[in-house]
């Protein structure tokens, strides 16, 4: 992340421009960008201050007003998905993506972990392959019956 120019340099640039020089001349003289000088002078004329704007900080989330609803829904239905929450929020008039709901929960300190058995809580994305079905133990099936999904 870049660092703001010092207040001393800002004062010298402003005095140079106020003395009648152009922003381009000031940029060349102090070896800074023309954009910096133009923005500095515009802010100085508008506010009277040469101090840099604050960096970083908290940003507003449109999910903050929905905090109680989100926490209540997750407490009621522990296996609710983010797309389901997004659909419910849309019905309430708040349009958000499932990813932004997930990010909001993480910022609030909530983590969604695996279950107590150490297994994933989702189902597999694709069905077992025929090869995996052929390797199943024959004791799992009734005597003489073909495994489900396979015919003799």
N, C-alpha and C. Protein backbone atom coordinates (compact mmCIF):
# COMPACT_ATOMS: atom_id res chain seq x y z
N UNK A 1 0.85 -1.17 0.00
CA UNK A 1 0.00 0.00 0.00
C UNK A 1 0.89 1.23 0.00
N UNK A 2 0.48 2.24 -0.73
CA UNK A 2 1.27 3.45 -0.81
C UNK A 2 1.08 4.30 0.44
N UNK A 3 2.02 5.18 0.64
CA UNK A 3 1.98 6.06 1.81
C UNK A 3 1.68 7.48 1.35
N UNK A 4 0.97 8.23 2.16
CA UNK A 4 0.63 9.61 1.82
C UNK A 4 1.88 10.48 1.84
N UNK A 5 1.87 11.52 0.99
CA UNK A 5 2.96 12.49 1.03
C UNK A 5 2.90 13.26 2.35
N UNK A 6 4.07 13.70 2.82
CA UNK A 6 4.13 14.40 4.11
C UNK A 6 3.41 15.74 4.04
N UNK A 7 2.99 16.21 5.20
CA UNK A 7 2.30 17.49 5.28
C UNK A 7 3.24 18.63 4.87
N UNK A 8 4.54 18.48 5.17
CA UNK A 8 5.52 19.49 4.78
C UNK A 8 5.58 19.65 3.26
N UNK A 9 5.65 18.53 2.54
CA UNK A 9 5.68 18.59 1.07
C UNK A 9 4.37 19.18 0.55
N UNK A 10 3.26 18.80 1.13
CA UNK A 10 1.97 19.33 0.71
C UNK A 10 1.93 20.85 0.86
N UNK A 11 2.46 21.34 1.98
CA UNK A 11 2.49 22.81 2.20
C UNK A 11 3.36 23.51 1.17
N UNK A 12 4.54 22.93 0.89
CA UNK A 12 5.45 23.56 -0.07
C UNK A 12 4.84 23.59 -1.47
N UNK A 13 4.17 22.49 -1.87
CA UNK A 13 3.53 22.44 -3.18
C UNK A 13 2.41 23.49 -3.26
N UNK A 14 1.60 23.58 -2.22
CA UNK A 14 0.49 24.53 -2.21
C UNK A 14 1.01 25.97 -2.28
N UNK A 15 2.07 26.28 -1.52
CA UNK A 15 2.65 27.64 -1.57
C UNK A 15 3.19 27.95 -2.95
N UNK A 16 3.82 26.96 -3.59
CA UNK A 16 4.39 27.13 -4.92
C UNK A 16 3.29 27.47 -5.92
N UNK A 17 2.18 26.74 -5.85
CA UNK A 17 1.08 26.99 -6.78
C UNK A 17 0.40 28.31 -6.45
N UNK A 18 0.22 28.60 -5.17
CA UNK A 18 -0.41 29.86 -4.76
C UNK A 18 0.45 31.07 -5.15
N UNK A 19 1.77 30.86 -5.32
CA UNK A 19 2.67 31.94 -5.72
C UNK A 19 2.53 32.26 -7.21
N UNK A 20 1.70 31.49 -7.91
CA UNK A 20 1.45 31.82 -9.31
C UNK A 20 1.95 30.80 -10.30
N UNK A 21 2.56 29.73 -9.86
CA UNK A 21 3.05 28.70 -10.78
C UNK A 21 1.92 27.72 -11.12
N UNK A 22 2.08 27.04 -12.23
CA UNK A 22 1.05 26.08 -12.64
C UNK A 22 1.24 24.74 -11.91
N UNK A 23 0.23 23.93 -12.00
CA UNK A 23 0.31 22.59 -11.38
C UNK A 23 1.39 21.75 -12.07
N UNK A 24 1.54 21.91 -13.37
CA UNK A 24 2.57 21.17 -14.10
C UNK A 24 3.97 21.59 -13.64
N UNK A 25 4.17 22.87 -13.46
CA UNK A 25 5.47 23.36 -12.97
C UNK A 25 5.74 22.83 -11.57
N UNK A 26 4.74 22.85 -10.71
CA UNK A 26 4.90 22.35 -9.34
C UNK A 26 5.25 20.87 -9.35
N UNK A 27 4.60 20.10 -10.22
CA UNK A 27 4.86 18.67 -10.30
C UNK A 27 6.30 18.41 -10.73
N UNK A 28 6.79 19.16 -11.72
CA UNK A 28 8.18 19.00 -12.16
C UNK A 28 9.15 19.42 -11.07
N UNK A 29 8.87 20.55 -10.42
CA UNK A 29 9.77 21.11 -9.41
C UNK A 29 9.92 20.17 -8.20
N UNK A 30 8.81 19.59 -7.74
CA UNK A 30 8.84 18.74 -6.54
C UNK A 30 8.91 17.25 -6.86
N UNK A 31 8.99 16.92 -8.15
CA UNK A 31 9.11 15.54 -8.61
C UNK A 31 7.96 14.66 -8.10
N UNK A 32 6.74 15.15 -8.31
CA UNK A 32 5.53 14.40 -7.98
C UNK A 32 4.66 14.38 -9.22
N UNK A 33 3.57 13.64 -9.19
CA UNK A 33 2.71 13.57 -10.37
C UNK A 33 1.83 14.82 -10.47
N UNK A 34 1.46 15.13 -11.69
CA UNK A 34 0.58 16.26 -11.93
C UNK A 34 -0.78 16.00 -11.27
N UNK A 35 -1.24 14.75 -11.33
CA UNK A 35 -2.53 14.40 -10.73
C UNK A 35 -2.53 14.69 -9.23
N UNK A 36 -1.42 14.39 -8.56
CA UNK A 36 -1.34 14.67 -7.12
C UNK A 36 -1.49 16.17 -6.86
N UNK A 37 -0.82 16.98 -7.63
CA UNK A 37 -0.87 18.43 -7.42
C UNK A 37 -2.28 18.96 -7.71
N UNK A 38 -2.88 18.50 -8.79
CA UNK A 38 -4.22 18.96 -9.15
C UNK A 38 -5.21 18.57 -8.06
N UNK A 39 -5.15 17.30 -7.61
CA UNK A 39 -6.08 16.85 -6.56
C UNK A 39 -5.83 17.58 -5.24
N UNK A 40 -4.56 17.81 -4.91
CA UNK A 40 -4.20 18.51 -3.68
C UNK A 40 -4.78 19.92 -3.69
N UNK A 41 -4.61 20.61 -4.79
CA UNK A 41 -5.09 21.99 -4.87
C UNK A 41 -6.62 22.05 -4.88
N UNK A 42 -7.26 21.10 -5.53
CA UNK A 42 -8.73 21.07 -5.54
C UNK A 42 -9.26 20.84 -4.13
N UNK A 43 -8.65 19.91 -3.40
CA UNK A 43 -9.08 19.63 -2.02
C UNK A 43 -8.77 20.82 -1.12
N UNK A 44 -7.64 21.47 -1.33
CA UNK A 44 -7.25 22.63 -0.52
C UNK A 44 -8.24 23.78 -0.73
N UNK A 45 -8.61 24.02 -1.98
CA UNK A 45 -9.56 25.10 -2.26
C UNK A 45 -10.96 24.79 -1.73
N UNK A 46 -11.32 23.51 -1.71
CA UNK A 46 -12.65 23.11 -1.25
C UNK A 46 -12.75 23.07 0.27
N UNK A 47 -11.70 22.58 0.94
CA UNK A 47 -11.77 22.38 2.39
C UNK A 47 -10.87 23.31 3.19
N UNK A 48 -9.84 23.83 2.56
CA UNK A 48 -8.88 24.68 3.27
C UNK A 48 -7.85 23.88 4.05
N UNK A 49 -7.86 22.57 3.87
CA UNK A 49 -6.93 21.70 4.59
C UNK A 49 -6.01 20.99 3.61
N UNK A 50 -4.77 20.78 4.01
CA UNK A 50 -3.81 20.04 3.19
C UNK A 50 -3.58 18.63 3.72
N UNK A 51 -4.25 18.28 4.80
CA UNK A 51 -4.06 16.96 5.42
C UNK A 51 -4.56 15.86 4.48
N UNK A 52 -3.88 14.71 4.46
CA UNK A 52 -4.34 13.61 3.61
C UNK A 52 -5.64 13.01 4.15
N UNK A 53 -6.39 12.41 3.26
CA UNK A 53 -7.63 11.74 3.66
C UNK A 53 -7.27 10.49 4.46
N UNK A 54 -8.12 10.07 5.37
CA UNK A 54 -7.83 8.85 6.14
C UNK A 54 -7.84 7.63 5.22
N UNK A 55 -7.00 6.65 5.55
CA UNK A 55 -6.89 5.43 4.75
C UNK A 55 -7.57 4.28 5.47
N UNK A 56 -8.10 3.35 4.68
CA UNK A 56 -8.69 2.14 5.25
C UNK A 56 -9.93 2.43 6.06
N UNK A 57 -10.11 1.63 7.10
CA UNK A 57 -11.25 1.84 7.97
C UNK A 57 -12.40 0.93 7.66
N UNK A 58 -13.47 1.09 8.38
CA UNK A 58 -14.65 0.25 8.25
C UNK A 58 -15.49 0.69 7.08
N UNK A 59 -16.00 -0.28 6.38
CA UNK A 59 -16.91 0.00 5.28
C UNK A 59 -18.29 -0.53 5.64
N UNK A 60 -19.31 0.17 5.21
CA UNK A 60 -20.69 -0.20 5.49
C UNK A 60 -21.07 -1.44 4.68
N UNK A 61 -21.80 -2.34 5.30
CA UNK A 61 -22.34 -3.50 4.61
C UNK A 61 -23.85 -3.42 4.61
N UNK A 62 -24.47 -3.70 3.47
CA UNK A 62 -25.92 -3.66 3.44
C UNK A 62 -26.55 -4.82 4.20
N UNK A 63 -25.72 -5.77 4.66
CA UNK A 63 -26.24 -6.88 5.46
C UNK A 63 -26.29 -6.55 6.94
N UNK A 64 -25.65 -5.48 7.37
CA UNK A 64 -25.66 -5.12 8.80
C UNK A 64 -27.08 -4.92 9.33
N UNK A 65 -27.98 -4.22 8.62
CA UNK A 65 -29.34 -4.09 9.13
C UNK A 65 -30.09 -5.43 9.20
N UNK A 66 -29.63 -6.43 8.46
CA UNK A 66 -30.27 -7.74 8.43
C UNK A 66 -29.62 -8.73 9.41
N UNK A 67 -28.77 -8.24 10.29
CA UNK A 67 -27.99 -9.10 11.19
C UNK A 67 -28.87 -10.07 11.98
N UNK A 68 -29.90 -9.55 12.64
CA UNK A 68 -30.77 -10.40 13.47
C UNK A 68 -31.45 -11.48 12.64
N UNK A 69 -31.92 -11.11 11.46
CA UNK A 69 -32.59 -12.08 10.58
C UNK A 69 -31.62 -13.19 10.19
N UNK A 70 -30.40 -12.83 9.77
CA UNK A 70 -29.43 -13.83 9.33
C UNK A 70 -29.05 -14.78 10.47
N UNK A 71 -28.77 -14.22 11.64
CA UNK A 71 -28.38 -15.07 12.77
C UNK A 71 -29.54 -15.98 13.19
N UNK A 72 -30.76 -15.46 13.14
CA UNK A 72 -31.93 -16.26 13.50
C UNK A 72 -32.13 -17.41 12.52
N UNK A 73 -32.00 -17.13 11.22
CA UNK A 73 -32.19 -18.18 10.20
C UNK A 73 -31.14 -19.27 10.31
N UNK A 74 -29.89 -18.90 10.60
CA UNK A 74 -28.84 -19.90 10.73
C UNK A 74 -29.06 -20.73 11.99
N UNK A 75 -29.55 -20.10 13.07
CA UNK A 75 -29.83 -20.83 14.30
C UNK A 75 -31.00 -21.79 14.11
N UNK A 76 -32.02 -21.37 13.37
CA UNK A 76 -33.19 -22.22 13.13
C UNK A 76 -32.85 -23.39 12.22
N UNK A 77 -32.15 -23.11 11.13
CA UNK A 77 -31.83 -24.12 10.12
C UNK A 77 -30.32 -24.15 9.95
N UNK A 78 -29.67 -25.06 10.65
CA UNK A 78 -28.21 -25.07 10.65
C UNK A 78 -27.61 -25.45 9.30
N UNK A 79 -28.38 -26.17 8.46
CA UNK A 79 -27.82 -26.59 7.17
C UNK A 79 -28.31 -25.72 6.01
N UNK A 80 -28.74 -24.50 6.31
CA UNK A 80 -29.20 -23.59 5.24
C UNK A 80 -28.00 -23.15 4.41
N UNK A 81 -28.22 -23.01 3.12
CA UNK A 81 -27.12 -22.62 2.24
C UNK A 81 -27.15 -21.12 1.99
N UNK A 82 -26.03 -20.61 1.52
CA UNK A 82 -25.94 -19.18 1.22
C UNK A 82 -26.90 -18.78 0.09
N UNK A 83 -27.05 -19.59 -0.98
CA UNK A 83 -28.05 -19.21 -2.00
C UNK A 83 -29.47 -19.16 -1.44
N UNK A 84 -29.80 -20.05 -0.50
CA UNK A 84 -31.13 -19.99 0.11
C UNK A 84 -31.29 -18.71 0.92
N UNK A 85 -30.25 -18.33 1.67
CA UNK A 85 -30.30 -17.08 2.43
C UNK A 85 -30.44 -15.88 1.49
N UNK A 86 -29.71 -15.93 0.37
CA UNK A 86 -29.78 -14.82 -0.60
C UNK A 86 -31.19 -14.70 -1.16
N UNK A 87 -31.85 -15.83 -1.42
CA UNK A 87 -33.22 -15.80 -1.93
C UNK A 87 -34.18 -15.23 -0.89
N UNK A 88 -33.99 -15.60 0.37
CA UNK A 88 -34.86 -15.08 1.43
C UNK A 88 -34.64 -13.58 1.62
N UNK A 89 -33.39 -13.14 1.52
CA UNK A 89 -33.11 -11.71 1.65
C UNK A 89 -33.70 -10.93 0.48
N UNK A 90 -33.66 -11.54 -0.70
CA UNK A 90 -34.25 -10.88 -1.88
C UNK A 90 -35.75 -10.68 -1.68
N UNK A 91 -36.41 -11.67 -1.06
CA UNK A 91 -37.84 -11.55 -0.78
C UNK A 91 -38.11 -10.40 0.22
N UNK A 92 -37.11 -10.10 1.06
CA UNK A 92 -37.24 -8.99 2.01
C UNK A 92 -36.82 -7.65 1.41
N UNK A 93 -36.28 -7.70 0.17
CA UNK A 93 -35.91 -6.45 -0.50
C UNK A 93 -34.43 -6.13 -0.49
N UNK A 94 -33.58 -7.06 -0.05
CA UNK A 94 -32.14 -6.84 -0.04
C UNK A 94 -31.50 -7.78 -1.04
N UNK A 95 -30.95 -7.24 -2.12
CA UNK A 95 -30.34 -8.06 -3.16
C UNK A 95 -28.85 -8.19 -2.89
N UNK A 96 -28.40 -9.42 -2.60
CA UNK A 96 -26.98 -9.70 -2.35
C UNK A 96 -26.63 -11.04 -2.98
N UNK A 97 -25.35 -11.25 -3.19
CA UNK A 97 -24.88 -12.53 -3.71
C UNK A 97 -24.60 -13.48 -2.56
N UNK A 98 -24.65 -14.79 -2.81
CA UNK A 98 -24.32 -15.74 -1.76
C UNK A 98 -22.90 -15.55 -1.22
N UNK A 99 -21.97 -15.17 -2.08
CA UNK A 99 -20.58 -14.96 -1.63
C UNK A 99 -20.50 -13.81 -0.64
N UNK A 100 -21.27 -12.75 -0.86
CA UNK A 100 -21.20 -11.62 0.06
C UNK A 100 -21.79 -11.98 1.42
N UNK A 101 -22.77 -12.88 1.44
CA UNK A 101 -23.31 -13.34 2.72
C UNK A 101 -22.24 -14.14 3.47
N UNK A 102 -21.54 -14.99 2.74
CA UNK A 102 -20.47 -15.78 3.35
C UNK A 102 -19.37 -14.88 3.90
N UNK A 103 -18.99 -13.86 3.14
CA UNK A 103 -17.96 -12.91 3.60
C UNK A 103 -18.44 -12.18 4.85
N UNK A 104 -19.71 -11.80 4.88
CA UNK A 104 -20.27 -11.09 6.02
C UNK A 104 -20.19 -11.96 7.27
N UNK A 105 -20.57 -13.24 7.13
CA UNK A 105 -20.50 -14.15 8.28
C UNK A 105 -19.06 -14.28 8.79
N UNK A 106 -18.11 -14.39 7.86
CA UNK A 106 -16.71 -14.50 8.28
C UNK A 106 -16.24 -13.25 9.01
N UNK A 107 -16.63 -12.06 8.53
CA UNK A 107 -16.26 -10.82 9.20
C UNK A 107 -16.88 -10.72 10.59
N UNK A 108 -18.05 -11.35 10.76
CA UNK A 108 -18.72 -11.34 12.06
C UNK A 108 -18.13 -12.37 13.02
N UNK A 109 -17.21 -13.19 12.53
CA UNK A 109 -16.54 -14.18 13.39
C UNK A 109 -17.15 -15.56 13.36
N UNK A 110 -18.06 -15.82 12.44
CA UNK A 110 -18.66 -17.14 12.33
C UNK A 110 -17.87 -17.98 11.35
N UNK A 111 -17.68 -19.26 11.72
CA UNK A 111 -16.98 -20.21 10.86
C UNK A 111 -17.86 -21.43 10.69
N UNK A 112 -17.93 -21.94 9.49
CA UNK A 112 -18.71 -23.14 9.24
C UNK A 112 -17.73 -24.28 9.04
N UNK A 113 -17.71 -25.17 10.02
CA UNK A 113 -16.73 -26.25 10.04
C UNK A 113 -17.38 -27.57 9.62
N UNK A 114 -16.53 -28.59 9.53
CA UNK A 114 -17.02 -29.92 9.28
C UNK A 114 -17.81 -30.40 10.49
N UNK A 115 -18.57 -31.48 10.31
CA UNK A 115 -19.36 -31.99 11.42
C UNK A 115 -18.48 -32.72 12.44
N UNK A 116 -19.07 -33.20 13.51
CA UNK A 116 -18.31 -33.81 14.60
C UNK A 116 -17.57 -35.06 14.18
N UNK A 117 -18.05 -35.75 13.16
CA UNK A 117 -17.40 -36.97 12.70
C UNK A 117 -16.20 -36.68 11.80
N UNK A 118 -15.96 -35.43 11.52
CA UNK A 118 -14.82 -35.06 10.67
C UNK A 118 -15.12 -35.21 9.19
N UNK A 119 -16.38 -35.44 8.86
CA UNK A 119 -16.77 -35.61 7.47
C UNK A 119 -17.23 -34.28 6.90
N UNK A 120 -17.18 -34.19 5.59
CA UNK A 120 -17.72 -33.00 4.95
C UNK A 120 -19.24 -33.00 5.13
N UNK A 121 -19.81 -31.83 5.21
CA UNK A 121 -21.25 -31.76 5.44
C UNK A 121 -22.04 -31.75 4.14
N UNK A 122 -21.36 -31.65 3.01
CA UNK A 122 -22.05 -31.65 1.71
C UNK A 122 -22.05 -33.05 1.12
N UNK A 123 -22.92 -33.27 0.17
CA UNK A 123 -22.91 -34.53 -0.56
C UNK A 123 -21.84 -34.45 -1.64
N UNK A 124 -21.49 -35.60 -2.18
CA UNK A 124 -20.49 -35.61 -3.25
C UNK A 124 -21.07 -34.95 -4.48
N UNK A 125 -20.21 -34.33 -5.27
CA UNK A 125 -20.67 -33.59 -6.45
C UNK A 125 -21.12 -34.51 -7.58
N UNK A 126 -20.54 -35.69 -7.68
CA UNK A 126 -20.94 -36.59 -8.76
C UNK A 126 -21.13 -37.99 -8.19
N UNK A 127 -21.92 -38.75 -8.87
CA UNK A 127 -22.22 -40.11 -8.41
C UNK A 127 -20.99 -40.99 -8.53
N UNK A 128 -21.01 -42.10 -7.82
CA UNK A 128 -19.90 -43.05 -7.90
C UNK A 128 -19.79 -43.61 -9.31
N UNK A 129 -18.58 -43.89 -9.71
CA UNK A 129 -18.36 -44.42 -11.05
C UNK A 129 -18.75 -45.90 -11.08
N UNK A 130 -19.01 -46.45 -12.25
CA UNK A 130 -19.34 -47.88 -12.34
C UNK A 130 -18.23 -48.76 -11.78
N UNK A 131 -16.99 -48.31 -11.92
CA UNK A 131 -15.86 -49.08 -11.41
C UNK A 131 -15.96 -49.17 -9.88
N UNK A 132 -16.33 -48.07 -9.23
CA UNK A 132 -16.46 -48.09 -7.77
C UNK A 132 -17.61 -48.99 -7.35
N UNK A 133 -18.69 -49.02 -8.13
CA UNK A 133 -19.82 -49.90 -7.81
C UNK A 133 -19.43 -51.36 -7.95
N UNK A 134 -18.60 -51.71 -8.91
CA UNK A 134 -18.19 -53.10 -9.13
C UNK A 134 -17.31 -53.60 -7.99
N UNK A 135 -16.63 -52.70 -7.28
CA UNK A 135 -15.74 -53.10 -6.20
C UNK A 135 -16.43 -53.19 -4.85
N UNK A 136 -17.76 -52.97 -4.80
CA UNK A 136 -18.47 -53.06 -3.54
C UNK A 136 -18.51 -54.51 -3.09
N UNK A 137 -18.53 -54.69 -1.79
CA UNK A 137 -18.55 -56.04 -1.23
C UNK A 137 -19.85 -56.75 -1.59
N UNK A 138 -19.80 -58.01 -2.03
CA UNK A 138 -21.01 -58.73 -2.40
C UNK A 138 -21.93 -58.99 -1.19
N UNK A 139 -21.42 -58.98 0.03
CA UNK A 139 -22.24 -59.24 1.21
C UNK A 139 -23.28 -58.15 1.42
N UNK A 140 -23.08 -57.01 0.82
CA UNK A 140 -24.01 -55.89 0.99
C UNK A 140 -25.31 -56.14 0.25
N UNK A 141 -25.34 -57.14 -0.62
CA UNK A 141 -26.52 -57.40 -1.45
C UNK A 141 -27.13 -58.74 -1.04
N UNK A 142 -28.38 -58.90 -1.34
CA UNK A 142 -29.04 -60.18 -1.06
C UNK A 142 -28.42 -61.27 -1.92
N UNK A 143 -28.48 -62.50 -1.44
CA UNK A 143 -27.88 -63.63 -2.16
C UNK A 143 -28.52 -63.77 -3.53
N UNK A 144 -27.69 -63.74 -4.54
CA UNK A 144 -28.15 -63.95 -5.91
C UNK A 144 -28.74 -62.71 -6.58
N UNK A 145 -28.91 -61.65 -5.84
CA UNK A 145 -29.50 -60.44 -6.42
C UNK A 145 -28.40 -59.56 -7.01
N UNK A 146 -28.72 -58.87 -8.06
CA UNK A 146 -27.74 -57.97 -8.69
C UNK A 146 -27.68 -56.68 -7.89
N UNK A 147 -26.49 -56.07 -7.83
CA UNK A 147 -26.37 -54.78 -7.13
C UNK A 147 -27.29 -53.75 -7.79
N UNK A 148 -27.76 -52.79 -6.99
CA UNK A 148 -28.65 -51.76 -7.50
C UNK A 148 -27.97 -51.02 -8.63
N UNK A 149 -28.70 -50.76 -9.68
CA UNK A 149 -28.17 -50.01 -10.82
C UNK A 149 -27.44 -50.87 -11.83
N UNK A 150 -27.20 -52.15 -11.53
CA UNK A 150 -26.53 -53.06 -12.46
C UNK A 150 -27.46 -54.21 -12.77
N UNK A 151 -27.43 -54.66 -13.97
CA UNK A 151 -28.25 -55.82 -14.34
C UNK A 151 -27.36 -56.96 -14.73
N UNK A 152 -27.90 -58.18 -14.63
CA UNK A 152 -27.10 -59.37 -14.98
C UNK A 152 -27.26 -59.70 -16.42
